[in-house]
Each structure stands twice: as C-alpha cells, then as structure tokens.
PDB file of N, CA and C in Angstrom:
ATOM      1  N   MET A   1      50.812  -7.866  64.643  1.00  0.00           N
ATOM      2  CA  MET A   1      51.235  -6.575  64.086  1.00  0.00           C
ATOM      3  C   MET A   1      50.413  -5.765  63.758  1.00  0.00           C
ATOM      4  N   PRO A   2      50.074  -4.689  64.315  1.00  0.00           N
ATOM      5  CA  PRO A   2      48.867  -3.650  63.946  1.00  0.00           C
ATOM      6  C   PRO A   2      49.042  -3.099  62.640  1.00  0.00           C
ATOM      7  N   PHE A   3      50.220  -2.653  62.299  1.00  0.00           N
ATOM      8  CA  PHE A   3      50.879  -1.871  60.952  1.00  0.00           C
ATOM      9  C   PHE A   3      51.235  -2.834  60.112  1.00  0.00           C
ATOM     10  N   ALA A   4      51.244  -3.939  59.854  1.00  0.00           N
ATOM     11  CA  ALA A   4      51.467  -5.001  58.680  1.00  0.00           C
ATOM     12  C   ALA A   4      50.560  -4.693  57.719  1.00  0.00           C
ATOM     13  N   ILE A   5      51.177  -4.694  56.356  1.00  0.00           N
ATOM     14  CA  ILE A   5      50.601  -4.443  55.127  1.00  0.00           C
ATOM     15  C   ILE A   5      50.225  -5.829  54.803  1.00  0.00           C
ATOM     16  N   GLN A   6      48.885  -6.292  54.475  1.00  0.00           N
ATOM     17  CA  GLN A   6      48.569  -7.689  53.906  1.00  0.00           C
ATOM     18  C   GLN A   6      48.036  -7.315  52.707  1.00  0.00           C
ATOM     19  N   PRO A   7      47.917  -8.521  51.980  1.00  0.00           N
ATOM     20  CA  PRO A   7      47.661  -8.711  50.555  1.00  0.00           C
ATOM     21  C   PRO A   7      45.886  -8.136  50.487  1.00  0.00           C
ATOM     22  N   VAL A   8      45.133  -8.182  51.209  1.00  0.00           N
ATOM     23  CA  VAL A   8      43.754  -7.053  51.173  1.00  0.00           C
ATOM     24  C   VAL A   8      44.337  -5.773  51.211  1.00  0.00           C
ATOM     25  N   HIS A   9      44.832  -5.452  52.080  1.00  0.00           N
ATOM     26  CA  HIS A   9      45.096  -4.083  51.937  1.00  0.00           C
ATOM     27  C   HIS A   9      45.624  -3.481  50.543  1.00  0.00           C
ATOM     28  N   ILE A  10      46.480  -4.274  49.924  1.00  0.00           N
ATOM     29  CA  ILE A  10      47.318  -3.773  48.577  1.00  0.00           C
ATOM     30  C   ILE A  10      46.273  -3.922  47.388  1.00  0.00           C
ATOM     31  N   ILE A  11      45.237  -5.072  47.524  1.00  0.00           N
ATOM     32  CA  ILE A  11      43.908  -4.893  46.783  1.00  0.00           C
ATOM     33  C   ILE A  11      43.074  -3.658  46.719  1.00  0.00           C
ATOM     34  N   ILE A  12      42.930  -3.356  48.089  1.00  0.00           N
ATOM     35  CA  ILE A  12      41.929  -2.247  48.475  1.00  0.00           C
ATOM     36  C   ILE A  12      42.481  -0.981  47.806  1.00  0.00           C
ATOM     37  N   VAL A  13      43.998  -0.706  48.113  1.00  0.00           N
ATOM     38  CA  VAL A  13      44.615   0.418  47.323  1.00  0.00           C
ATOM     39  C   VAL A  13      44.593   0.365  45.912  1.00  0.00           C
ATOM     40  N   LEU A  14      44.828  -0.838  45.402  1.00  0.00           N
ATOM     41  CA  LEU A  14      44.781  -0.596  43.906  1.00  0.00           C
ATOM     42  C   LEU A  14      43.371  -0.267  43.495  1.00  0.00           C
ATOM     43  N   LEU A  15      42.440  -1.045  43.988  1.00  0.00           N
ATOM     44  CA  LEU A  15      41.236  -0.671  43.590  1.00  0.00           C
ATOM     45  C   LEU A  15      40.765   0.816  43.756  1.00  0.00           C
ATOM     46  N   VAL A  16      41.001   1.567  44.758  1.00  0.00           N
ATOM     47  CA  VAL A  16      40.766   2.800  44.955  1.00  0.00           C
ATOM     48  C   VAL A  16      41.606   3.951  43.916  1.00  0.00           C
ATOM     49  N   ALA A  17      42.682   3.320  43.706  1.00  0.00           N
ATOM     50  CA  ALA A  17      43.552   4.110  42.617  1.00  0.00           C
ATOM     51  C   ALA A  17      42.827   3.978  41.083  1.00  0.00           C
ATOM     52  N   PHE A  18      42.467   2.705  40.990  1.00  0.00           N
ATOM     53  CA  PHE A  18      41.931   2.379  39.768  1.00  0.00           C
ATOM     54  C   PHE A  18      40.634   3.336  39.349  1.00  0.00           C
ATOM     55  N   LEU A  19      39.838   3.343  40.573  1.00  0.00           N
ATOM     56  CA  LEU A  19      38.572   4.132  40.303  1.00  0.00           C
ATOM     57  C   LEU A  19      38.919   5.768  40.422  1.00  0.00           C
ATOM     58  N   ILE A  20      40.054   6.127  40.961  1.00  0.00           N
ATOM     59  CA  ILE A  20      40.435   7.505  41.154  1.00  0.00           C
ATOM     60  C   ILE A  20      40.892   8.169  39.870  1.00  0.00           C
ATOM     61  N   PHE A  21      41.976   7.410  39.534  1.00  0.00           N
ATOM     62  CA  PHE A  21      42.810   7.878  38.061  1.00  0.00           C
ATOM     63  C   PHE A  21      42.378   7.167  36.735  1.00  0.00           C
ATOM     64  N   GLY A  22      41.641   6.213  36.964  1.00  0.00           N
ATOM     65  CA  GLY A  22      41.151   5.514  35.501  1.00  0.00           C
ATOM     66  C   GLY A  22      42.295   4.661  35.013  1.00  0.00           C
ATOM     67  N   ALA A  23      41.883   3.604  34.073  1.00  0.00           N
ATOM     68  CA  ALA A  23      42.796   2.812  33.461  1.00  0.00           C
ATOM     69  C   ALA A  23      43.948   3.391  32.630  1.00  0.00           C
ATOM     70  N   ASN A  24      43.676   4.442  32.180  1.00  0.00           N
ATOM     71  CA  ASN A  24      44.567   5.274  31.079  1.00  0.00           C
ATOM     72  C   ASN A  24      45.903   5.870  31.851  1.00  0.00           C
ATOM     73  N   LYS A  25      45.579   6.312  33.220  1.00  0.00           N
ATOM     74  CA  LYS A  25      46.744   6.891  33.963  1.00  0.00           C
ATOM     75  C   LYS A  25      47.553   5.894  34.804  1.00  0.00           C
ATOM     76  N   LEU A  26      47.061   4.969  34.989  1.00  0.00           N
ATOM     77  CA  LEU A  26      47.825   4.054  36.178  1.00  0.00           C
ATOM     78  C   LEU A  26      49.157   3.465  35.288  1.00  0.00           C
ATOM     79  N   PRO A  27      49.007   3.010  34.156  1.00  0.00           N
ATOM     80  CA  PRO A  27      50.326   2.812  33.718  1.00  0.00           C
ATOM     81  C   PRO A  27      51.478   3.727  33.598  1.00  0.00           C
ATOM     82  N   GLU A  28      50.951   5.016  33.274  1.00  0.00           N
ATOM     83  CA  GLU A  28      51.792   6.402  33.046  1.00  0.00           C
ATOM     84  C   GLU A  28      52.444   6.481  34.410  1.00  0.00           C
ATOM     85  N   MET A  29      51.436   6.473  35.513  1.00  0.00           N
ATOM     86  CA  MET A  29      51.875   6.683  37.005  1.00  0.00           C
ATOM     87  C   MET A  29      52.995   5.809  37.375  1.00  0.00           C
ATOM     88  N   GLY A  30      52.748   4.391  37.067  1.00  0.00           N
ATOM     89  CA  GLY A  30      53.772   3.382  37.413  1.00  0.00           C
ATOM     90  C   GLY A  30      54.990   3.829  36.840  1.00  0.00           C
ATOM     91  N   ARG A  31      54.971   3.966  35.256  1.00  0.00           N
ATOM     92  CA  ARG A  31      56.216   4.066  34.713  1.00  0.00           C
ATOM     93  C   ARG A  31      56.881   5.328  35.425  1.00  0.00           C
ATOM     94  N   SER A  32      56.431   6.637  35.795  1.00  0.00           N
ATOM     95  CA  SER A  32      57.031   7.718  36.393  1.00  0.00           C
ATOM     96  C   SER A  32      57.439   7.384  37.939  1.00  0.00           C
ATOM     97  N   LEU A  33      56.846   6.559  38.472  1.00  0.00           N
ATOM     98  CA  LEU A  33      57.232   6.064  39.658  1.00  0.00           C
ATOM     99  C   LEU A  33      58.500   5.453  39.904  1.00  0.00           C
ATOM    100  N   GLY A  34      58.322   4.229  38.571  1.00  0.00           N
ATOM    101  CA  GLY A  34      59.807   3.408  38.695  1.00  0.00           C
ATOM    102  C   GLY A  34      61.199   4.184  37.962  1.00  0.00           C
ATOM    103  N   LYS A  35      60.564   5.377  37.336  1.00  0.00           N
ATOM    104  CA  LYS A  35      61.587   6.161  37.015  1.00  0.00           C
ATOM    105  C   LYS A  35      62.415   6.770  38.480  1.00  0.00           C
ATOM    106  N   GLY A  36      61.337   7.288  38.913  1.00  0.00           N
ATOM    107  CA  GLY A  36      62.024   8.075  39.918  1.00  0.00           C
ATOM    108  C   GLY A  36      62.567   7.209  40.772  1.00  0.00           C
ATOM    109  N   ILE A  37      62.238   6.041  41.121  1.00  0.00           N
ATOM    110  CA  ILE A  37      62.953   5.199  42.155  1.00  0.00           C
ATOM    111  C   ILE A  37      64.389   4.783  41.443  1.00  0.00           C
ATOM    112  N   SER A  38      64.587   4.579  40.230  1.00  0.00           N
ATOM    113  CA  SER A  38      65.742   4.176  39.852  1.00  0.00           C
ATOM    114  C   SER A  38      66.699   5.653  39.812  1.00  0.00           C
ATOM    115  N   GLU A  39      66.188   6.577  39.543  1.00  0.00           N
ATOM    116  CA  GLU A  39      66.889   7.791  39.661  1.00  0.00           C
ATOM    117  C   GLU A  39      67.657   8.111  41.116  1.00  0.00           C
ATOM    118  N   PHE A  40      66.629   7.516  41.998  1.00  0.00           N
ATOM    119  CA  PHE A  40      67.141   7.832  43.235  1.00  0.00           C
ATOM    120  C   PHE A  40      68.200   6.822  43.666  1.00  0.00           C
ATOM    121  N   ARG A  41      68.007   5.564  43.287  1.00  0.00           N
ATOM    122  CA  ARG A  41      69.061   4.656  43.465  1.00  0.00           C
ATOM    123  C   ARG A  41      70.388   4.978  42.654  1.00  0.00           C
ATOM    124  N   LYS A  42      70.280   5.539  41.768  1.00  0.00           N
ATOM    125  CA  LYS A  42      71.562   5.984  40.776  1.00  0.00           C
ATOM    126  C   LYS A  42      72.436   7.129  41.748  1.00  0.00           C
ATOM    127  N   GLY A  43      71.364   8.010  42.162  1.00  0.00           N
ATOM    128  CA  GLY A  43      71.943   8.990  42.688  1.00  0.00           C
ATOM    129  C   GLY A  43      72.765   8.603  44.167  1.00  0.00           C
ATOM    130  N   THR A  44      72.224   7.700  44.660  1.00  0.00           N
ATOM    131  CA  THR A  44      72.684   7.471  46.346  1.00  0.00           C
ATOM    132  C   THR A  44      73.784   6.388  45.784  1.00  0.00           C
ATOM    133  N   LYS A  45      73.977   5.764  44.693  1.00  0.00           N
ATOM    134  CA  LYS A  45      75.079   4.811  44.661  1.00  0.00           C
ATOM    135  C   LYS A  45      76.166   5.612  44.224  1.00  0.00           C
ATOM    136  N   GLU A  46      76.117   6.940  43.342  1.00  0.00           N
ATOM    137  CA  GLU A  46      76.861   7.875  42.827  1.00  0.00           C
ATOM    138  C   GLU A  46      77.647   8.692  44.204  1.00  0.00           C
ATOM    139  N   ALA A  47      76.589   8.769  45.128  1.00  0.00           N
ATOM    140  CA  ALA A  47      77.263   9.452  46.393  1.00  0.00           C
ATOM    141  C   ALA A  47      78.037   8.656  47.221  1.00  0.00           C
ATOM    142  N   ALA A  48      77.591   7.298  47.463  1.00  0.00           N
ATOM    143  CA  ALA A  48      78.354   6.475  48.031  1.00  0.00           C
ATOM    144  C   ALA A  48      79.782   6.231  47.498  1.00  0.00           C
ATOM    145  N   GLU A  49      79.997   5.947  46.319  1.00  0.00           N
ATOM    146  CA  GLU A  49      81.176   5.931  45.439  1.00  0.00           C
ATOM    147  C   GLU A  49      81.906   7.262  45.698  1.00  0.00           C
ATOM    148  N   GLY A  50      81.196   8.441  45.475  1.00  0.00           N
ATOM    149  CA  GLY A  50      82.213   9.550  45.899  1.00  0.00           C
ATOM    150  C   GLY A  50      82.748   9.858  47.281  1.00  0.00           C
ATOM    151  N   PHE A  51      81.983   9.367  48.182  1.00  0.00           N
ATOM    152  CA  PHE A  51      82.120   9.267  49.667  1.00  0.00           C
ATOM    153  C   PHE A  51      83.485   8.286  49.500  1.00  0.00           C
ATOM    154  N   LYS A  52      83.258   7.096  49.186  1.00  0.00           N
ATOM    155  CA  LYS A  52      84.323   6.105  49.211  1.00  0.00           C
ATOM    156  C   LYS A  52      85.618   6.487  48.900  1.00  0.00           C
ATOM    157  N   ALA A  53      85.921   7.372  47.594  1.00  0.00           N
ATOM    158  CA  ALA A  53      86.876   7.897  46.902  1.00  0.00           C
ATOM    159  C   ALA A  53      87.356   8.922  47.820  1.00  0.00           C
ATOM    160  N   GLU A  54      86.718   9.770  48.390  1.00  0.00           N
ATOM    161  CA  GLU A  54      87.323  10.881  49.413  1.00  0.00           C
ATOM    162  C   GLU A  54      87.819  10.186  50.389  1.00  0.00           C
ATOM    163  N   VAL A  55      87.301   9.264  51.009  1.00  0.00           N
ATOM    164  CA  VAL A  55      87.875   8.725  52.190  1.00  0.00           C
ATOM    165  C   VAL A  55      89.246   7.977  51.889  1.00  0.00           C
ATOM    166  N   SER A  56      89.273   7.347  50.586  1.00  0.00           N
ATOM    167  CA  SER A  56      90.594   6.698  50.211  1.00  0.00           C
ATOM    168  C   SER A  56      91.424   7.456  49.873  1.00  0.00           C
ATOM    169  N   ASN A  57      91.148   8.626  49.317  1.00  0.00           N
ATOM    170  CA  ASN A  57      92.195   9.642  48.802  1.00  0.00           C
ATOM    171  C   ASN A  57      92.770  10.393  50.162  1.00  0.00           C
ATOM    172  N   SER A  58      92.064  10.760  51.325  1.00  0.00           N
ATOM    173  CA  SER A  58      92.221  11.339  52.506  1.00  0.00           C
ATOM    174  C   SER A  58      93.178  10.197  53.300  1.00  0.00           C
ATOM    175  N   SER A  59      93.011   9.201  53.180  1.00  0.00           N
ATOM    176  CA  SER A  59      93.919   8.341  53.997  1.00  0.00           C
ATOM    177  C   SER A  59      95.220   7.995  53.322  1.00  0.00           C
ATOM    178  N   ASN A  60      95.573   8.450  52.163  1.00  0.00           N
ATOM    179  CA  ASN A  60      96.922   8.331  51.367  1.00  0.00           C
ATOM    180  C   ASN A  60      97.581   9.547  51.609  1.00  0.00           C
ATOM    181  N   VAL A  61      97.199  10.606  52.065  1.00  0.00           N
ATOM    182  CA  VAL A  61      98.027  11.872  52.417  1.00  0.00           C
ATOM    183  C   VAL A  61      99.106  11.466  53.615  1.00  0.00           C
ATOM    184  N   PRO A  62     100.127  11.916  53.104  1.00  0.00           N
ATOM    185  CA  PRO A  62     101.347  11.556  54.354  1.00  0.00           C
ATOM    186  C   PRO A  62     101.415  12.694  55.376  1.00  0.00           C
ATOM    187  N   ALA A  63     101.945  12.338  56.614  1.00  0.00           N
ATOM    188  CA  ALA A  63     101.666  13.328  57.678  1.00  0.00           C
ATOM    189  C   ALA A  63     102.930  13.964  58.144  1.00  0.00           C
ATOM    190  N   VAL A  64     103.765  14.075  57.070  1.00  0.00           N
ATOM    191  CA  VAL A  64     105.033  14.902  57.251  1.00  0.00           C
ATOM    192  C   VAL A  64     105.060  15.985  57.883  1.00  0.00           C
ATOM    193  N   PRO A  65     104.357  17.002  57.684  1.00  0.00           N
ATOM    194  CA  PRO A  65     104.423  18.030  58.010  1.00  0.00           C
ATOM    195  C   PRO A  65     104.094  18.109  59.545  1.00  0.00           C
ATOM    196  N   VAL A  66     103.412  17.132  60.180  1.00  0.00           N
ATOM    197  CA  VAL A  66     103.128  16.973  61.425  1.00  0.00           C
ATOM    198  C   VAL A  66     104.113  16.558  62.363  1.00  0.00           C
ATOM    199  N   GLN A  67     104.942  15.464  61.663  1.00  0.00           N
ATOM    200  CA  GLN A  67     106.095  14.605  62.381  1.00  0.00           C
ATOM    201  C   GLN A  67     107.149  15.927  62.147  1.00  0.00           C
ATOM    202  N   ALA A  68     107.295  16.590  61.312  1.00  0.00           N
ATOM    203  CA  ALA A  68     108.637  17.780  61.408  1.00  0.00           C
ATOM    204  C   ALA A  68     108.255  18.609  62.630  1.00  0.00           C
ATOM    205  N   ILE A  69     107.357  19.151  62.776  1.00  0.00           N
ATOM    206  CA  ILE A  69     106.763  20.082  63.813  1.00  0.00           C
ATOM    207  C   ILE A  69     106.863  19.256  64.924  1.00  0.00           C
ATOM    208  N   SER A  70     106.630  17.967  65.201  1.00  0.00           N
ATOM    209  CA  SER A  70     106.715  17.457  66.656  1.00  0.00           C
ATOM    210  C   SER A  70     108.232  17.225  66.683  1.00  0.00           C
ATOM    211  N   LEU A  71     108.866  16.809  65.861  1.00  0.00           N
ATOM    212  CA  LEU A  71     110.524  16.774  65.885  1.00  0.00           C
ATOM    213  C   LEU A  71     111.056  18.018  66.405  1.00  0.00           C
ATOM    214  N   SER A  72     110.779  19.063  65.766  1.00  0.00           N
ATOM    215  CA  SER A  72     111.401  20.296  65.895  1.00  0.00           C
ATOM    216  C   SER A  72     110.996  20.766  67.474  1.00  0.00           C
ATOM    217  N   THR A  73     109.601  20.599  67.871  1.00  0.00           N
ATOM    218  CA  THR A  73     109.427  20.745  69.256  1.00  0.00           C
ATOM    219  C   THR A  73     110.045  19.806  70.094  1.00  0.00           C
ATOM    220  N   ALA A  74     110.312  18.855  70.008  1.00  0.00           N
ATOM    221  CA  ALA A  74     110.714  17.596  70.741  1.00  0.00           C
ATOM    222  C   ALA A  74     112.178  17.976  70.907  1.00  0.00           C
ATOM    223  N   GLN A  75     112.831  18.365  69.774  1.00  0.00           N
ATOM    224  CA  GLN A  75     114.330  18.620  70.240  1.00  0.00           C
ATOM    225  C   GLN A  75     114.392  19.974  70.931  1.00  0.00           C
ATOM    226  N   SER A  76     113.719  20.858  70.705  1.00  0.00           N
ATOM    227  CA  SER A  76     114.238  22.306  71.347  1.00  0.00           C
ATOM    228  C   SER A  76     113.744  21.787  72.737  1.00  0.00           C
ATOM    229  N   ALA A  77     112.599  21.156  73.258  1.00  0.00           N
ATOM    230  CA  ALA A  77     112.255  20.790  74.341  1.00  0.00           C
ATOM    231  C   ALA A  77     113.324  20.114  75.206  1.00  0.00           C
ATOM    232  N   THR A  78     113.912  18.918  74.510  1.00  0.00           N
ATOM    233  CA  THR A  78     114.657  18.303  75.253  1.00  0.00           C
ATOM    234  C   THR A  78     115.847  18.744  75.850  1.00  0.00           C
ATOM    235  N   SER A  79     116.320  19.910  75.260  1.00  0.00           N
ATOM    236  CA  SER A  79     117.207  20.892  76.140  1.00  0.00           C
ATOM    237  C   SER A  79     116.649  21.528  77.086  1.00  0.00           C
ATOM    238  N   ALA A  80     115.505  21.900  76.758  1.00  0.00           N
ATOM    239  CA  ALA A  80     114.779  23.009  78.025  1.00  0.00           C
ATOM    240  C   ALA A  80     114.449  22.105  79.191  1.00  0.00           C
ATOM    241  N   GLY A  81     113.904  21.009  78.991  1.00  0.00           N
ATOM    242  CA  GLY A  81     113.586  20.121  80.033  1.00  0.00           C
ATOM    243  C   GLY A  81     112.224  20.397  80.200  1.00  0.00           C
ATOM    244  N   ASN A  82     111.439  20.948  79.522  1.00  0.00           N
ATOM    245  CA  ASN A  82     110.047  21.152  79.760  1.00  0.00           C
ATOM    246  C   ASN A  82     109.029  19.925  79.371  1.00  0.00           C
ATOM    247  N   PHE A  83     108.935  19.208  80.326  1.00  0.00           N
ATOM    248  CA  PHE A  83     108.189  18.090  80.254  1.00  0.00           C
ATOM    249  C   PHE A  83     106.725  17.773  80.556  1.00  0.00           C
ATOM    250  N   CYS A  84     105.564  17.319  79.911  1.00  0.00           N
ATOM    251  CA  CYS A  84     104.550  17.262  80.477  1.00  0.00           C
ATOM    252  C   CYS A  84     104.063  16.589  81.748  1.00  0.00           C
ATOM    253  N   ILE A  85     103.527  16.564  82.801  1.00  0.00           N
ATOM    254  CA  ILE A  85     103.413  15.731  83.660  1.00  0.00           C
ATOM    255  C   ILE A  85     102.380  14.707  83.606  1.00  0.00           C
ATOM    256  N   GLN A  86     101.541  15.023  82.864  1.00  0.00           N
ATOM    257  CA  GLN A  86     100.638  13.825  82.469  1.00  0.00           C
ATOM    258  C   GLN A  86     100.908  12.583  81.393  1.00  0.00           C
ATOM    259  N   CYS A  87     101.837  12.967  80.261  1.00  0.00           N
ATOM    260  CA  CYS A  87     101.979  12.351  79.210  1.00  0.00           C
ATOM    261  C   CYS A  87     103.541  11.975  79.173  1.00  0.00           C
ATOM    262  N   GLY A  88     104.345  12.834  79.698  1.00  0.00           N
ATOM    263  CA  GLY A  88     105.550  12.896  79.730  1.00  0.00           C
ATOM    264  C   GLY A  88     106.410  13.561  78.368  1.00  0.00           C
ATOM    265  N   THR A  89     105.847  14.124  77.598  1.00  0.00           N
ATOM    266  CA  THR A  89     105.999  14.481  76.278  1.00  0.00           C
ATOM    267  C   THR A  89     106.771  15.572  76.362  1.00  0.00           C
ATOM    268  N   PRO A  90     108.260  15.957  75.886  1.00  0.00           N
ATOM    269  CA  PRO A  90     108.656  17.179  75.732  1.00  0.00           C
ATOM    270  C   PRO A  90     108.166  18.138  75.074  1.00  0.00           C
ATOM    271  N   ASN A  91     108.126  19.535  75.494  1.00  0.00           N
ATOM    272  CA  ASN A  91     107.569  20.691  74.928  1.00  0.00           C
ATOM    273  C   ASN A  91     108.587  21.690  74.826  1.00  0.00           C
ATOM    274  N   SER A  92     108.137  22.871  73.827  1.00  0.00           N
ATOM    275  CA  SER A  92     109.191  23.941  73.809  1.00  0.00           C
ATOM    276  C   SER A  92     109.239  24.729  75.112  1.00  0.00           C
ATOM    277  N   GLN A  93     110.066  25.508  75.162  1.00  0.00           N
ATOM    278  CA  GLN A  93     110.343  26.326  76.409  1.00  0.00           C
ATOM    279  C   GLN A  93     109.110  27.376  76.402  1.00  0.00           C
ATOM    280  N   GLU A  94     108.680  27.819  75.471  1.00  0.00           N
ATOM    281  CA  GLU A  94     107.502  28.971  75.335  1.00  0.00           C
ATOM    282  C   GLU A  94     106.207  28.287  75.664  1.00  0.00           C
ATOM    283  N   ALA A  95     106.295  26.911  75.457  1.00  0.00           N
ATOM    284  CA  ALA A  95     104.716  26.226  75.418  1.00  0.00           C
ATOM    285  C   ALA A  95     103.939  26.526  76.733  1.00  0.00           C
ATOM    286  N   HIS A  96     102.812  26.649  76.800  1.00  0.00           N
ATOM    287  CA  HIS A  96     101.814  26.579  77.963  1.00  0.00           C
ATOM    288  C   HIS A  96     100.949  25.624  78.323  1.00  0.00           C
ATOM    289  N   PHE A  97     100.687  24.754  77.052  1.00  0.00           N
ATOM    290  CA  PHE A  97     100.040  23.412  76.990  1.00  0.00           C
ATOM    291  C   PHE A  97     100.906  22.489  76.339  1.00  0.00           C
ATOM    292  N   CYS A  98     100.713  21.044  76.702  1.00  0.00           N
ATOM    293  CA  CYS A  98     101.388  20.167  75.917  1.00  0.00           C
ATOM    294  C   CYS A  98     100.960  19.886  74.532  1.00  0.00           C
ATOM    295  N   ALA A  99     101.808  19.672  73.447  1.00  0.00           N
ATOM    296  CA  ALA A  99     101.507  19.513  72.164  1.00  0.00           C
ATOM    297  C   ALA A  99     100.918  18.176  71.916  1.00  0.00           C
ATOM    298  N   SER A 100     101.019  17.074  72.925  1.00  0.00           N
ATOM    299  CA  SER A 100     100.552  15.835  72.454  1.00  0.00           C
ATOM    300  C   SER A 100      99.162  15.640  73.231  1.00  0.00           C
ATOM    301  N   CYS A 101      98.776  16.069  74.475  1.00  0.00           N
ATOM    302  CA  CYS A 101      97.781  15.623  75.098  1.00  0.00           C
ATOM    303  C   CYS A 101      96.956  17.156  75.582  1.00  0.00           C
ATOM    304  N   GLY A 102      97.468  17.925  75.471  1.00  0.00           N
ATOM    305  CA  GLY A 102      96.898  19.328  75.648  1.00  0.00           C
ATOM    306  C   GLY A 102      96.659  19.785  77.067  1.00  0.00           C
ATOM    307  N   ALA A 103      97.294  19.191  78.124  1.00  0.00           N
ATOM    308  CA  ALA A 103      97.399  19.388  79.293  1.00  0.00           C
ATOM    309  C   ALA A 103      97.947  20.657  79.698  1.00  0.00           C
ATOM    310  N   LYS A 104      97.847  21.497  80.937  1.00  0.00           N
ATOM    311  CA  LYS A 104      98.451  22.611  81.063  1.00  0.00           C
ATOM    312  C   LYS A 104      99.859  22.397  81.523  1.00  0.00           C
ATOM    313  N   LEU A 105     100.901  23.016  81.382  1.00  0.00           N
ATOM    314  CA  LEU A 105     102.012  22.643  81.621  1.00  0.00           C
ATOM    315  C   LEU A 105     102.333  23.427  82.891  1.00  0.00           C
ATOM    316  N   PRO A 106     103.393  22.995  84.069  1.00  0.00           N
ATOM    317  CA  PRO A 106     103.469  23.589  85.169  1.00  0.00           C
ATOM    318  C   PRO A 106     104.124  25.138  84.866  1.00  0.00           C
ATOM    319  N   ASP A 107     103.692  26.121  85.446  1.00  0.00           N
ATOM    320  CA  ASP A 107     104.343  27.238  85.435  1.00  0.00           C
ATOM    321  C   ASP A 107     105.713  27.302  85.848  1.00  0.00           C
ATOM    322  N   LYS A 108     106.580  28.186  84.953  1.00  0.00           N
ATOM    323  CA  LYS A 108     107.935  28.139  85.115  1.00  0.00           C
ATOM    324  C   LYS A 108     108.206  29.233  86.035  1.00  0.00           C
ATOM    325  N   ILE A 109     109.452  28.536  86.929  1.00  0.00           N
ATOM    326  CA  ILE A 109     109.883  29.560  87.955  1.00  0.00           C
ATOM    327  C   ILE A 109     111.050  30.490  87.351  1.00  0.00           C
ATOM    328  N   ALA A 110     110.845  31.806  87.490  1.00  0.00           N
ATOM    329  CA  ALA A 110     111.836  32.610  86.896  1.00  0.00           C
ATOM    330  C   ALA A 110     113.201  32.777  87.981  1.00  0.00           C
TER     331      ALA A 110
END
C-alpha cells in the first residue's frame, strides 16, 4: 500500500510539529482540535435526527386530497368512456393526458 500511514510516519509528523510549535502550544492545539471534532460530530448527529424527524412526519401525511381527485375524475370518466390505451385508467372527458400514467389520450372524434 503506497499511501498507508505507518507508526514511523506519525512519529516524524509529531517531531516536526513539536519543533515548529513548541511544547507550550501543542496541548492547546490538541484541545482545540478535539473541541472542533466533537462540535462536528454533534452537528452531524443533530442534522441526522432532524432529517429522520422530517421523513417520519412526511410519511404520516394522509393522501386524502389525491384520492378525492382521483375518484371524481374516475366517476366522470366512467360515464364518458375516455379510457387510457396504455393503463386502462378512466379519465375525464376534457383530459388530453392520462391522470395515472401520463400517456397521451387518443383524439376525440367530433
């Protein structure tokens, strides 16, 4: 593995950091890095919980208006006989496209 980090590499990086920043700054930098990581974890956890809450709330919404529209168009289409060629769904007399599958309905003969 050409990009694997080995213990020797970690020791070299720590020695270079010690030489550049000194013994007094390293603990302070480590503390701030730890706080940053913990804040990042906390933020991602809150975002995931919020997303789960939104998904669970949206799945509880009833689909009553959509069913009511489908029933009214189906009732008017049954008497008119304007059925979709592809899926067989009844559509309203004025419809040019199927409400179920979106296919173009045949032209009406006047």
